[in-house]
Amino acid sequence: SITAKLVANLITEAGASRVLAMDLHSSQIQGYFDIPVDHVYGSPVILDYLASKNLPDLVVVSPDVGGVARARAFAKKLNDAPLAIIDKRRQAHNVAEVMNLIGDVKGKTAVLVDDMIDTAGTLLEGARLLRAEGARQIYACATHAVFSEPAVARLSSGLFEEVIVTNTIPVPEAKQFEQLTVTSVANLLGETIWRIHEDSSVSSMFR
């Protein structure tokens, strides 16, 4: 996008010689930089938290077809948990979108996985479908808590057992709610910076 290219140019012109980014919305953004870019992920922090909860009958859900690779990687780290996909299709022009679920969530704990939560519209629609398909509990996970209006109202509506994010974006007190859990990426970023400084592998942290 034009915005991403502009930001890349500003960072480079400001004198940066290397960029460390976490969960870019699109990996192609790295191509806008003329300097090395280390792209890391917040998923290990969220995965550690989920693993500590020992959730039963877990199924990882991608809220759209575009997020399947992310959800599959997430599921693999959770002891090869089963995967489900929400498929949204518009059958014709001016016809409402139809949502279908690929996979089984009946009686299970569904974990919706995304890179960021903006208005939470996609997650809300997905959660409603999962409830209709018989999911017992629904958790939402994302690295970046953008929380544009009306995200907080949607996320605290009672559909979600818990909403798990990281602190890449500070969540002001006015946007905090009972179901929200904020995990810290401080140690993850610290380890990454140390590895860059020591010229050792960063990618091995996410295998």
Foldseek 3Di string as FASTA:
>chain_A
DVVLLVVQVVCVVVPDQEEEEELDVDPCSCVSHPHHYHYYYPLVQVLVVVVVVVFPQEEEEELEPVCVVVSQLSCVSVVNRHYKYWYWDAPDPPGDIDIDIGDAQAAHEYEYEDAECAQCPSVLVVLVVSVVRHHPAYEYEHAYYNHHPPNLCSVPVPSHQAYEYEVPDPDDPVSDDDRYDYTYCVVVVVVQVVCVVVVHDNVVVSD
